[in-house]
Full PDB file with SEQRES, HELIX, SHEET, SSBOND, CRYST1, ORIGX, SCALE, CONECT and MASTER records, all heavy atoms in Angstrom:
SEQRES   1 A   42  VAL PRO LEU PHE ALA GLU ASP ILE SER LEU GLU ASP SER          
SEQRES   2 A   42  LYS THR ILE GLY ARG THR SER HIS SER GLU VAL VAL ASP          
SEQRES   3 A   42  PHE VAL LEU THR GLU LEU GLU GLU SER ALA ALA ALA LEU          
SEQRES   4 A   42  PRO THR ASN                                                  
HELIX    1 AA1 LEU A   10  SER A   13  1                                   4    
HELIX    2 AA2 HIS A   21  ALA A   38  1                                  18    
CRYST1    1.000    1.000    1.000  90.00  90.00  90.00 P 1           1          
ORIGX1      1.000000  0.000000  0.000000        0.00000                         
ORIGX2      0.000000  1.000000  0.000000        0.00000                         
ORIGX3      0.000000  0.000000  1.000000        0.00000                         
SCALE1      1.000000  0.000000  0.000000        0.00000                         
SCALE2      0.000000  1.000000  0.000000        0.00000                         
SCALE3      0.000000  0.000000  1.000000        0.00000                         
ATOM      1  N   VAL A   1       0.758  -1.212   0.019  1.00  0.00           N  
ATOM      2  CA  VAL A   1       0.006   0.014  -0.049  1.00  0.00           C  
ATOM      3  C   VAL A   1       0.846   1.327   0.102  1.00  0.00           C  
ATOM      4  O   VAL A   1       2.038   1.229   0.393  1.00  0.00           O  
ATOM      5  CB  VAL A   1      -0.967   0.140   1.246  1.00  0.00           C  
ATOM      6  CG1 VAL A   1      -1.908  -1.104   1.111  1.00  0.00           C  
ATOM      7  CG2 VAL A   1      -0.138   0.020   2.534  1.00  0.00           C  
ATOM      8  N   PRO A   2       0.330   2.381  -0.507  1.00  0.00           N  
ATOM      9  CA  PRO A   2       1.141   3.638  -0.400  1.00  0.00           C  
ATOM     10  C   PRO A   2       1.448   3.920   1.085  1.00  0.00           C  
ATOM     11  O   PRO A   2       0.547   3.922   1.819  1.00  0.00           O  
ATOM     12  CB  PRO A   2       0.158   4.660  -1.023  1.00  0.00           C  
ATOM     13  CG  PRO A   2      -0.714   3.885  -1.952  1.00  0.00           C  
ATOM     14  CD  PRO A   2      -0.928   2.568  -1.183  1.00  0.00           C  
ATOM     15  N   LEU A   3       2.805   4.261   1.211  1.00  0.00           N  
ATOM     16  CA  LEU A   3       3.300   4.710   2.618  1.00  0.00           C  
ATOM     17  C   LEU A   3       3.863   5.968   2.583  1.00  0.00           C  
ATOM     18  O   LEU A   3       4.692   6.360   1.783  1.00  0.00           O  
ATOM     19  CB  LEU A   3       4.229   3.717   3.066  1.00  0.00           C  
ATOM     20  CG  LEU A   3       4.976   3.903   4.392  1.00  0.00           C  
ATOM     21  CD1 LEU A   3       4.057   3.929   5.522  1.00  0.00           C  
ATOM     22  CD2 LEU A   3       6.124   2.933   4.722  1.00  0.00           C  
ATOM     23  N   PHE A   4       3.245   6.978   3.438  1.00  0.00           N  
ATOM     24  CA  PHE A   4       3.970   8.309   3.516  1.00  0.00           C  
ATOM     25  C   PHE A   4       3.687   8.869   4.937  1.00  0.00           C  
ATOM     26  O   PHE A   4       2.633   8.495   5.547  1.00  0.00           O  
ATOM     27  CB  PHE A   4       3.371   9.171   2.466  1.00  0.00           C  
ATOM     28  CG  PHE A   4       1.776   9.109   2.384  1.00  0.00           C  
ATOM     29  CD1 PHE A   4       0.846   9.912   3.328  1.00  0.00           C  
ATOM     30  CD2 PHE A   4       1.190   8.316   1.396  1.00  0.00           C  
ATOM     31  CE1 PHE A   4      -0.471   9.744   3.088  1.00  0.00           C  
ATOM     32  CE2 PHE A   4      -0.181   8.166   1.407  1.00  0.00           C  
ATOM     33  CZ  PHE A   4      -1.045   8.923   2.199  1.00  0.00           C  
ATOM     34  N   ALA A   5       4.779   9.374   5.500  1.00  0.00           N  
ATOM     35  CA  ALA A   5       4.711   9.862   6.859  1.00  0.00           C  
ATOM     36  C   ALA A   5       4.447  11.342   6.945  1.00  0.00           C  
ATOM     37  O   ALA A   5       4.473  11.936   7.966  1.00  0.00           O  
ATOM     38  CB  ALA A   5       6.023   9.507   7.536  1.00  0.00           C  
ATOM     39  N   GLU A   6       4.222  12.062   5.832  1.00  0.00           N  
ATOM     40  CA  GLU A   6       3.755  13.509   5.857  1.00  0.00           C  
ATOM     41  C   GLU A   6       2.503  13.630   4.921  1.00  0.00           C  
ATOM     42  O   GLU A   6       2.286  12.880   3.949  1.00  0.00           O  
ATOM     43  CB  GLU A   6       4.937  14.357   5.292  1.00  0.00           C  
ATOM     44  CG  GLU A   6       6.192  14.318   6.183  1.00  0.00           C  
ATOM     45  CD  GLU A   6       7.240  15.157   5.680  1.00  0.00           C  
ATOM     46  OE1 GLU A   6       7.193  15.715   4.381  1.00  0.00           O  
ATOM     47  OE2 GLU A   6       8.192  15.536   6.230  1.00  0.00           O  
ATOM     48  N   ASP A   7       1.714  14.648   5.184  1.00  0.00           N  
ATOM     49  CA  ASP A   7       0.606  14.942   4.273  1.00  0.00           C  
ATOM     50  C   ASP A   7       1.069  15.164   2.952  1.00  0.00           C  
ATOM     51  O   ASP A   7       2.000  16.067   2.768  1.00  0.00           O  
ATOM     52  CB  ASP A   7      -0.138  16.074   5.020  1.00  0.00           C  
ATOM     53  CG  ASP A   7      -1.503  16.154   4.364  1.00  0.00           C  
ATOM     54  OD1 ASP A   7      -2.175  15.160   4.071  1.00  0.00           O  
ATOM     55  OD2 ASP A   7      -2.017  17.260   4.234  1.00  0.00           O  
ATOM     56  N   ILE A   8       0.618  14.498   2.034  1.00  0.00           N  
ATOM     57  CA  ILE A   8       0.833  14.705   0.593  1.00  0.00           C  
ATOM     58  C   ILE A   8      -0.143  15.624  -0.165  1.00  0.00           C  
ATOM     59  O   ILE A   8      -1.276  15.614   0.245  1.00  0.00           O  
ATOM     60  CB  ILE A   8       1.135  13.440  -0.101  1.00  0.00           C  
ATOM     61  CG1 ILE A   8      -0.156  12.616  -0.186  1.00  0.00           C  
ATOM     62  CG2 ILE A   8       2.353  12.569   0.660  1.00  0.00           C  
ATOM     63  CD1 ILE A   8      -0.058  11.248  -0.934  1.00  0.00           C  
ATOM     64  N   SER A   9       0.190  16.190  -1.244  1.00  0.00           N  
ATOM     65  CA  SER A   9      -0.726  17.015  -2.003  1.00  0.00           C  
ATOM     66  C   SER A   9      -1.622  16.089  -2.872  1.00  0.00           C  
ATOM     67  O   SER A   9      -1.257  14.835  -3.131  1.00  0.00           O  
ATOM     68  CB  SER A   9       0.210  17.889  -3.048  1.00  0.00           C  
ATOM     69  OG  SER A   9       0.845  17.035  -3.947  1.00  0.00           O  
ATOM     70  N   LEU A  10      -2.612  16.762  -3.278  1.00  0.00           N  
ATOM     71  CA  LEU A  10      -3.591  15.978  -4.159  1.00  0.00           C  
ATOM     72  C   LEU A  10      -2.841  15.526  -5.400  1.00  0.00           C  
ATOM     73  O   LEU A  10      -3.099  14.386  -5.925  1.00  0.00           O  
ATOM     74  CB  LEU A  10      -4.761  16.982  -4.580  1.00  0.00           C  
ATOM     75  CG  LEU A  10      -5.840  16.340  -5.444  1.00  0.00           C  
ATOM     76  CD1 LEU A  10      -6.497  15.136  -4.746  1.00  0.00           C  
ATOM     77  CD2 LEU A  10      -6.848  17.404  -5.816  1.00  0.00           C  
ATOM     78  N   GLU A  11      -2.044  16.316  -5.955  1.00  0.00           N  
ATOM     79  CA  GLU A  11      -1.189  15.976  -7.198  1.00  0.00           C  
ATOM     80  C   GLU A  11      -0.389  14.774  -6.914  1.00  0.00           C  
ATOM     81  O   GLU A  11      -0.324  13.767  -7.710  1.00  0.00           O  
ATOM     82  CB  GLU A  11      -0.295  17.099  -7.704  1.00  0.00           C  
ATOM     83  CG  GLU A  11       0.482  16.796  -8.897  1.00  0.00           C  
ATOM     84  CD  GLU A  11       1.209  18.160  -9.340  1.00  0.00           C  
ATOM     85  OE1 GLU A  11       0.625  19.215  -9.405  1.00  0.00           O  
ATOM     86  OE2 GLU A  11       2.446  17.900  -9.704  1.00  0.00           O  
ATOM     87  N   ASP A  12       0.339  14.664  -5.822  1.00  0.00           N  
ATOM     88  CA  ASP A  12       1.181  13.547  -5.405  1.00  0.00           C  
ATOM     89  C   ASP A  12       0.374  12.436  -5.180  1.00  0.00           C  
ATOM     90  O   ASP A  12       0.719  11.216  -5.577  1.00  0.00           O  
ATOM     91  CB  ASP A  12       1.976  13.874  -4.209  1.00  0.00           C  
ATOM     92  CG  ASP A  12       3.129  14.877  -4.416  1.00  0.00           C  
ATOM     93  OD1 ASP A  12       3.409  15.015  -5.522  1.00  0.00           O  
ATOM     94  OD2 ASP A  12       3.697  15.471  -3.401  1.00  0.00           O  
ATOM     95  N   SER A  13      -0.884  12.385  -4.645  1.00  0.00           N  
ATOM     96  CA  SER A  13      -1.717  11.396  -4.343  1.00  0.00           C  
ATOM     97  C   SER A  13      -2.116  10.582  -5.639  1.00  0.00           C  
ATOM     98  O   SER A  13      -2.571   9.462  -5.510  1.00  0.00           O  
ATOM     99  CB  SER A  13      -2.812  11.736  -3.548  1.00  0.00           C  
ATOM    100  OG  SER A  13      -3.822  12.414  -4.298  1.00  0.00           O  
ATOM    101  N   LYS A  14      -2.021  11.260  -6.837  1.00  0.00           N  
ATOM    102  CA  LYS A  14      -2.550  10.736  -8.013  1.00  0.00           C  
ATOM    103  C   LYS A  14      -1.308   9.959  -8.797  1.00  0.00           C  
ATOM    104  O   LYS A  14      -1.578   9.382  -9.797  1.00  0.00           O  
ATOM    105  CB  LYS A  14      -3.052  11.823  -9.005  1.00  0.00           C  
ATOM    106  CG  LYS A  14      -4.362  12.297  -8.456  1.00  0.00           C  
ATOM    107  CD  LYS A  14      -4.914  13.475  -9.415  1.00  0.00           C  
ATOM    108  CE  LYS A  14      -6.191  13.963  -8.822  1.00  0.00           C  
ATOM    109  NZ  LYS A  14      -6.816  14.935  -9.679  1.00  0.00           N  
ATOM    110  N   THR A  15      -0.042  10.006  -8.182  1.00  0.00           N  
ATOM    111  CA  THR A  15       1.059   9.512  -8.772  1.00  0.00           C  
ATOM    112  C   THR A  15       1.818   8.486  -8.001  1.00  0.00           C  
ATOM    113  O   THR A  15       2.621   7.654  -8.361  1.00  0.00           O  
ATOM    114  CB  THR A  15       2.066  10.554  -9.332  1.00  0.00           C  
ATOM    115  OG1 THR A  15       2.441  11.279  -8.244  1.00  0.00           O  
ATOM    116  CG2 THR A  15       1.290  11.358 -10.350  1.00  0.00           C  
ATOM    117  N   ILE A  16       1.519   8.581  -6.717  1.00  0.00           N  
ATOM    118  CA  ILE A  16       2.395   7.664  -5.728  1.00  0.00           C  
ATOM    119  C   ILE A  16       2.126   6.250  -5.979  1.00  0.00           C  
ATOM    120  O   ILE A  16       1.015   5.760  -6.408  1.00  0.00           O  
ATOM    121  CB  ILE A  16       1.957   8.073  -4.216  1.00  0.00           C  
ATOM    122  CG1 ILE A  16       2.945   7.451  -3.206  1.00  0.00           C  
ATOM    123  CG2 ILE A  16       0.518   7.658  -3.917  1.00  0.00           C  
ATOM    124  CD1 ILE A  16       2.724   7.947  -1.824  1.00  0.00           C  
ATOM    125  N   GLY A  17       3.215   5.431  -5.718  1.00  0.00           N  
ATOM    126  CA  GLY A  17       3.122   3.979  -5.986  1.00  0.00           C  
ATOM    127  C   GLY A  17       2.891   3.300  -4.560  1.00  0.00           C  
ATOM    128  O   GLY A  17       2.872   4.001  -3.538  1.00  0.00           O  
ATOM    129  N   ARG A  18       2.965   2.068  -4.570  1.00  0.00           N  
ATOM    130  CA  ARG A  18       2.657   1.167  -3.470  1.00  0.00           C  
ATOM    131  C   ARG A  18       3.997   0.821  -2.876  1.00  0.00           C  
ATOM    132  O   ARG A  18       4.898   0.570  -3.439  1.00  0.00           O  
ATOM    133  CB  ARG A  18       1.943  -0.062  -3.742  1.00  0.00           C  
ATOM    134  CG  ARG A  18       0.444   0.299  -3.928  1.00  0.00           C  
ATOM    135  CD  ARG A  18      -0.563  -0.961  -3.806  1.00  0.00           C  
ATOM    136  NE  ARG A  18      -0.304  -1.964  -4.994  1.00  0.00           N  
ATOM    137  CZ  ARG A  18      -0.540  -3.123  -5.080  1.00  0.00           C  
ATOM    138  NH1 ARG A  18      -1.164  -3.727  -4.073  1.00  0.00           N  
ATOM    139  NH2 ARG A  18      -0.445  -3.783  -6.193  1.00  0.00           N  
ATOM    140  N   THR A  19       4.156   0.814  -1.441  1.00  0.00           N  
ATOM    141  CA  THR A  19       5.224   0.257  -0.822  1.00  0.00           C  
ATOM    142  C   THR A  19       5.115  -1.158  -0.390  1.00  0.00           C  
ATOM    143  O   THR A  19       3.931  -1.528  -0.162  1.00  0.00           O  
ATOM    144  CB  THR A  19       5.405   1.214   0.574  1.00  0.00           C  
ATOM    145  OG1 THR A  19       5.621   2.649   0.073  1.00  0.00           O  
ATOM    146  CG2 THR A  19       6.650   0.763   1.312  1.00  0.00           C  
ATOM    147  N   SER A  20       6.161  -1.880  -0.408  1.00  0.00           N  
ATOM    148  CA  SER A  20       5.991  -3.388  -0.122  1.00  0.00           C  
ATOM    149  C   SER A  20       5.490  -3.630   1.268  1.00  0.00           C  
ATOM    150  O   SER A  20       5.650  -2.755   2.231  1.00  0.00           O  
ATOM    151  CB  SER A  20       7.311  -4.047  -0.326  1.00  0.00           C  
ATOM    152  OG  SER A  20       8.226  -3.629   0.817  1.00  0.00           O  
ATOM    153  N   HIS A  21       4.823  -4.727   1.312  1.00  0.00           N  
ATOM    154  CA  HIS A  21       4.218  -5.053   2.649  1.00  0.00           C  
ATOM    155  C   HIS A  21       5.234  -5.170   3.703  1.00  0.00           C  
ATOM    156  O   HIS A  21       5.165  -4.637   4.913  1.00  0.00           O  
ATOM    157  CB  HIS A  21       3.603  -6.506   2.517  1.00  0.00           C  
ATOM    158  CG  HIS A  21       3.142  -7.075   3.698  1.00  0.00           C  
ATOM    159  ND1 HIS A  21       1.991  -6.655   4.481  1.00  0.00           N  
ATOM    160  CD2 HIS A  21       3.748  -8.081   4.511  1.00  0.00           C  
ATOM    161  CE1 HIS A  21       2.013  -7.335   5.590  1.00  0.00           C  
ATOM    162  NE2 HIS A  21       2.944  -8.272   5.747  1.00  0.00           N  
ATOM    163  N   SER A  22       6.389  -5.707   3.375  1.00  0.00           N  
ATOM    164  CA  SER A  22       7.595  -5.810   4.433  1.00  0.00           C  
ATOM    165  C   SER A  22       7.987  -4.427   4.955  1.00  0.00           C  
ATOM    166  O   SER A  22       8.303  -4.263   6.069  1.00  0.00           O  
ATOM    167  CB  SER A  22       8.619  -6.620   3.929  1.00  0.00           C  
ATOM    168  OG  SER A  22       9.215  -6.037   2.748  1.00  0.00           O  
ATOM    169  N   GLU A  23       8.065  -3.540   3.912  1.00  0.00           N  
ATOM    170  CA  GLU A  23       8.486  -2.179   4.351  1.00  0.00           C  
ATOM    171  C   GLU A  23       7.448  -1.485   5.296  1.00  0.00           C  
ATOM    172  O   GLU A  23       7.836  -0.726   6.137  1.00  0.00           O  
ATOM    173  CB  GLU A  23       8.870  -1.350   3.087  1.00  0.00           C  
ATOM    174  CG  GLU A  23      10.038  -1.750   2.359  1.00  0.00           C  
ATOM    175  CD  GLU A  23      10.263  -0.869   1.103  1.00  0.00           C  
ATOM    176  OE1 GLU A  23      10.823   0.268   1.283  1.00  0.00           O  
ATOM    177  OE2 GLU A  23       9.905  -1.281   0.017  1.00  0.00           O  
ATOM    178  N   VAL A  24       6.196  -1.660   4.871  1.00  0.00           N  
ATOM    179  CA  VAL A  24       5.072  -1.013   5.753  1.00  0.00           C  
ATOM    180  C   VAL A  24       5.146  -1.648   7.089  1.00  0.00           C  
ATOM    181  O   VAL A  24       4.948  -0.922   8.081  1.00  0.00           O  
ATOM    182  CB  VAL A  24       3.716  -1.312   5.042  1.00  0.00           C  
ATOM    183  CG1 VAL A  24       2.631  -0.801   5.917  1.00  0.00           C  
ATOM    184  CG2 VAL A  24       3.639  -0.641   3.695  1.00  0.00           C  
ATOM    185  N   VAL A  25       5.291  -3.091   7.269  1.00  0.00           N  
ATOM    186  CA  VAL A  25       5.385  -3.589   8.498  1.00  0.00           C  
ATOM    187  C   VAL A  25       6.560  -3.069   9.321  1.00  0.00           C  
ATOM    188  O   VAL A  25       6.494  -2.821  10.579  1.00  0.00           O  
ATOM    189  CB  VAL A  25       5.424  -5.186   8.380  1.00  0.00           C  
ATOM    190  CG1 VAL A  25       5.869  -5.891   9.704  1.00  0.00           C  
ATOM    191  CG2 VAL A  25       4.236  -5.755   7.829  1.00  0.00           C  
ATOM    192  N   ASP A  26       7.766  -2.944   8.695  1.00  0.00           N  
ATOM    193  CA  ASP A  26       8.983  -2.325   9.436  1.00  0.00           C  
ATOM    194  C   ASP A  26       8.599  -0.940   9.852  1.00  0.00           C  
ATOM    195  O   ASP A  26       8.961  -0.643  11.050  1.00  0.00           O  
ATOM    196  CB  ASP A  26      10.173  -2.399   8.412  1.00  0.00           C  
ATOM    197  CG  ASP A  26      10.662  -3.792   8.139  1.00  0.00           C  
ATOM    198  OD1 ASP A  26      10.308  -4.604   8.864  1.00  0.00           O  
ATOM    199  OD2 ASP A  26      11.562  -3.850   7.273  1.00  0.00           O  
ATOM    200  N   PHE A  27       7.917  -0.161   9.098  1.00  0.00           N  
ATOM    201  CA  PHE A  27       7.698   1.222   9.484  1.00  0.00           C  
ATOM    202  C   PHE A  27       6.688   1.194  10.665  1.00  0.00           C  
ATOM    203  O   PHE A  27       6.901   1.914  11.666  1.00  0.00           O  
ATOM    204  CB  PHE A  27       6.939   1.953   8.264  1.00  0.00           C  
ATOM    205  CG  PHE A  27       6.343   3.305   8.740  1.00  0.00           C  
ATOM    206  CD1 PHE A  27       7.184   4.403   8.793  1.00  0.00           C  
ATOM    207  CD2 PHE A  27       5.043   3.439   8.852  1.00  0.00           C  
ATOM    208  CE1 PHE A  27       6.604   5.542   9.110  1.00  0.00           C  
ATOM    209  CE2 PHE A  27       4.483   4.666   9.311  1.00  0.00           C  
ATOM    210  CZ  PHE A  27       5.308   5.703   9.334  1.00  0.00           C  
ATOM    211  N   VAL A  28       5.634   0.384  10.566  1.00  0.00           N  
ATOM    212  CA  VAL A  28       4.707   0.309  11.658  1.00  0.00           C  
ATOM    213  C   VAL A  28       5.411  -0.024  12.994  1.00  0.00           C  
ATOM    214  O   VAL A  28       5.094   0.450  14.109  1.00  0.00           O  
ATOM    215  CB  VAL A  28       3.531  -0.639  11.377  1.00  0.00           C  
ATOM    216  CG1 VAL A  28       2.695  -0.953  12.597  1.00  0.00           C  
ATOM    217  CG2 VAL A  28       2.693   0.024  10.229  1.00  0.00           C  
ATOM    218  N   LEU A  29       6.206  -1.135  12.849  1.00  0.00           N  
ATOM    219  CA  LEU A  29       6.825  -1.665  14.213  1.00  0.00           C  
ATOM    220  C   LEU A  29       7.892  -0.528  14.756  1.00  0.00           C  
ATOM    221  O   LEU A  29       7.867  -0.439  15.999  1.00  0.00           O  
ATOM    222  CB  LEU A  29       7.716  -2.926  13.840  1.00  0.00           C  
ATOM    223  CG  LEU A  29       6.875  -4.158  13.546  1.00  0.00           C  
ATOM    224  CD1 LEU A  29       7.709  -5.295  13.098  1.00  0.00           C  
ATOM    225  CD2 LEU A  29       6.142  -4.545  14.885  1.00  0.00           C  
ATOM    226  N   THR A  30       8.519   0.117  13.908  1.00  0.00           N  
ATOM    227  CA  THR A  30       9.334   1.279  14.454  1.00  0.00           C  
ATOM    228  C   THR A  30       8.533   2.382  15.016  1.00  0.00           C  
ATOM    229  O   THR A  30       8.856   2.865  16.163  1.00  0.00           O  
ATOM    230  CB  THR A  30      10.192   1.707  13.149  1.00  0.00           C  
ATOM    231  OG1 THR A  30      11.027   0.798  12.640  1.00  0.00           O  
ATOM    232  CG2 THR A  30      11.069   2.983  13.764  1.00  0.00           C  
ATOM    233  N   GLU A  31       7.445   2.649  14.342  1.00  0.00           N  
ATOM    234  CA  GLU A  31       6.592   3.801  14.963  1.00  0.00           C  
ATOM    235  C   GLU A  31       6.044   3.197  16.431  1.00  0.00           C  
ATOM    236  O   GLU A  31       5.996   4.100  17.219  1.00  0.00           O  
ATOM    237  CB  GLU A  31       5.323   3.846  13.961  1.00  0.00           C  
ATOM    238  CG  GLU A  31       5.699   4.709  12.754  1.00  0.00           C  
ATOM    239  CD  GLU A  31       6.032   6.190  12.982  1.00  0.00           C  
ATOM    240  OE1 GLU A  31       4.976   6.940  13.276  1.00  0.00           O  
ATOM    241  OE2 GLU A  31       7.194   6.456  13.097  1.00  0.00           O  
ATOM    242  N   LEU A  32       5.629   2.064  16.535  1.00  0.00           N  
ATOM    243  CA  LEU A  32       5.155   1.661  17.739  1.00  0.00           C  
ATOM    244  C   LEU A  32       6.215   1.481  18.806  1.00  0.00           C  
ATOM    245  O   LEU A  32       5.970   1.815  19.947  1.00  0.00           O  
ATOM    246  CB  LEU A  32       4.470   0.252  17.631  1.00  0.00           C  
ATOM    247  CG  LEU A  32       3.221   0.149  16.696  1.00  0.00           C  
ATOM    248  CD1 LEU A  32       2.702  -1.168  16.434  1.00  0.00           C  
ATOM    249  CD2 LEU A  32       2.005   1.057  17.390  1.00  0.00           C  
ATOM    250  N   GLU A  33       7.275   1.053  18.444  1.00  0.00           N  
ATOM    251  CA  GLU A  33       8.380   0.935  19.431  1.00  0.00           C  
ATOM    252  C   GLU A  33       8.857   2.344  19.887  1.00  0.00           C  
ATOM    253  O   GLU A  33       8.998   2.474  21.096  1.00  0.00           O  
ATOM    254  CB  GLU A  33       9.627   0.296  18.787  1.00  0.00           C  
ATOM    255  CG  GLU A  33      10.754  -0.026  19.745  1.00  0.00           C  
ATOM    256  CD  GLU A  33      11.901  -0.765  19.079  1.00  0.00           C  
ATOM    257  OE1 GLU A  33      11.830  -1.097  17.903  1.00  0.00           O  
ATOM    258  OE2 GLU A  33      12.868  -1.050  19.790  1.00  0.00           O  
ATOM    259  N   GLU A  34       8.836   3.266  19.112  1.00  0.00           N  
ATOM    260  CA  GLU A  34       9.190   4.662  19.496  1.00  0.00           C  
ATOM    261  C   GLU A  34       8.089   5.306  20.244  1.00  0.00           C  
ATOM    262  O   GLU A  34       8.337   6.084  21.227  1.00  0.00           O  
ATOM    263  CB  GLU A  34       9.677   5.388  18.332  1.00  0.00           C  
ATOM    264  CG  GLU A  34      10.954   5.049  17.542  1.00  0.00           C  
ATOM    265  CD  GLU A  34      11.373   5.725  16.445  1.00  0.00           C  
ATOM    266  OE1 GLU A  34      10.604   6.740  16.124  1.00  0.00           O  
ATOM    267  OE2 GLU A  34      12.513   5.513  15.773  1.00  0.00           O  
ATOM    268  N   SER A  35       6.975   4.947  19.978  1.00  0.00           N  
ATOM    269  CA  SER A  35       5.735   5.512  20.530  1.00  0.00           C  
ATOM    270  C   SER A  35       5.701   4.966  21.935  1.00  0.00           C  
ATOM    271  O   SER A  35       5.412   5.595  22.942  1.00  0.00           O  
ATOM    272  CB  SER A  35       4.466   5.199  19.840  1.00  0.00           C  
ATOM    273  OG  SER A  35       4.461   5.934  18.678  1.00  0.00           O  
ATOM    274  N   ALA A  36       5.974   3.663  22.125  1.00  0.00           N  
ATOM    275  CA  ALA A  36       5.847   3.013  23.462  1.00  0.00           C  
ATOM    276  C   ALA A  36       6.759   3.695  24.461  1.00  0.00           C  
ATOM    277  O   ALA A  36       6.418   3.826  25.654  1.00  0.00           O  
ATOM    278  CB  ALA A  36       6.220   1.519  23.378  1.00  0.00           C  
ATOM    279  N   ALA A  37       7.891   4.285  23.987  1.00  0.00           N  
ATOM    280  CA  ALA A  37       8.896   4.913  24.895  1.00  0.00           C  
ATOM    281  C   ALA A  37       8.275   6.075  25.461  1.00  0.00           C  
ATOM    282  O   ALA A  37       8.761   6.552  26.501  1.00  0.00           O  
ATOM    283  CB  ALA A  37      10.221   5.107  24.017  1.00  0.00           C  
ATOM    284  N   ALA A  38       7.402   6.815  24.744  1.00  0.00           N  
ATOM    285  CA  ALA A  38       6.912   8.022  25.197  1.00  0.00           C  
ATOM    286  C   ALA A  38       5.426   8.023  25.738  1.00  0.00           C  
ATOM    287  O   ALA A  38       4.960   8.877  26.301  1.00  0.00           O  
ATOM    288  CB  ALA A  38       6.859   9.084  24.019  1.00  0.00           C  
ATOM    289  N   LEU A  39       4.883   6.757  25.775  1.00  0.00           N  
ATOM    290  CA  LEU A  39       3.529   6.586  26.403  1.00  0.00           C  
ATOM    291  C   LEU A  39       3.474   6.266  27.708  1.00  0.00           C  
ATOM    292  O   LEU A  39       4.249   5.391  28.217  1.00  0.00           O  
ATOM    293  CB  LEU A  39       2.681   5.528  25.496  1.00  0.00           C  
ATOM    294  CG  LEU A  39       2.272   5.866  24.113  1.00  0.00           C  
ATOM    295  CD1 LEU A  39       2.065   4.760  23.223  1.00  0.00           C  
ATOM    296  CD2 LEU A  39       1.203   7.022  24.094  1.00  0.00           C  
ATOM    297  N   PRO A  40       2.542   6.728  28.501  1.00  0.00           N  
ATOM    298  CA  PRO A  40       2.285   6.279  29.935  1.00  0.00           C  
ATOM    299  C   PRO A  40       1.831   4.825  29.984  1.00  0.00           C  
ATOM    300  O   PRO A  40       1.139   4.317  28.946  1.00  0.00           O  
ATOM    301  CB  PRO A  40       1.194   7.272  30.467  1.00  0.00           C  
ATOM    302  CG  PRO A  40       1.149   8.346  29.407  1.00  0.00           C  
ATOM    303  CD  PRO A  40       1.584   7.722  28.088  1.00  0.00           C  
ATOM    304  N   THR A  41       1.884   4.153  31.007  1.00  0.00           N  
ATOM    305  CA  THR A  41       1.298   2.788  31.239  1.00  0.00           C  
ATOM    306  C   THR A  41      -0.098   3.037  31.696  1.00  0.00           C  
ATOM    307  O   THR A  41      -0.554   4.264  31.814  1.00  0.00           O  
ATOM    308  CB  THR A  41       1.991   2.119  32.318  1.00  0.00           C  
ATOM    309  OG1 THR A  41       1.785   2.745  33.677  1.00  0.00           O  
ATOM    310  CG2 THR A  41       3.511   1.994  32.179  1.00  0.00           C  
ATOM    311  N   ASN A  42      -0.933   2.025  31.799  1.00  0.00           N  
ATOM    312  CA  ASN A  42      -2.281   2.172  32.038  1.00  0.00           C  
ATOM    313  C   ASN A  42      -2.456   2.619  33.549  1.00  0.00           C  
ATOM    314  O   ASN A  42      -3.517   3.240  33.900  1.00  0.00           O  
ATOM    315  CB  ASN A  42      -3.003   0.759  31.909  1.00  0.00           C  
ATOM    316  CG  ASN A  42      -2.502  -0.314  32.684  1.00  0.00           C  
ATOM    317  OD1 ASN A  42      -1.215  -0.341  33.144  1.00  0.00           O  
ATOM    318  ND2 ASN A  42      -3.342  -1.340  32.927  1.00  0.00           N  
TER     319      ASN A  42                                                      
MASTER        0    0    0    2    0    0    0    6  318    1    0    4          
END                                                                             
């Protein structure tokens, strides 16, 4: 699926390609790991 970490323009949204599943998973895991470090516990 298309992966972007910044808001893209309408023009860019009409040309962007898809990012591989493995790269999306890597991005998601990195985001969660870094988020966990800043989040409070329950």
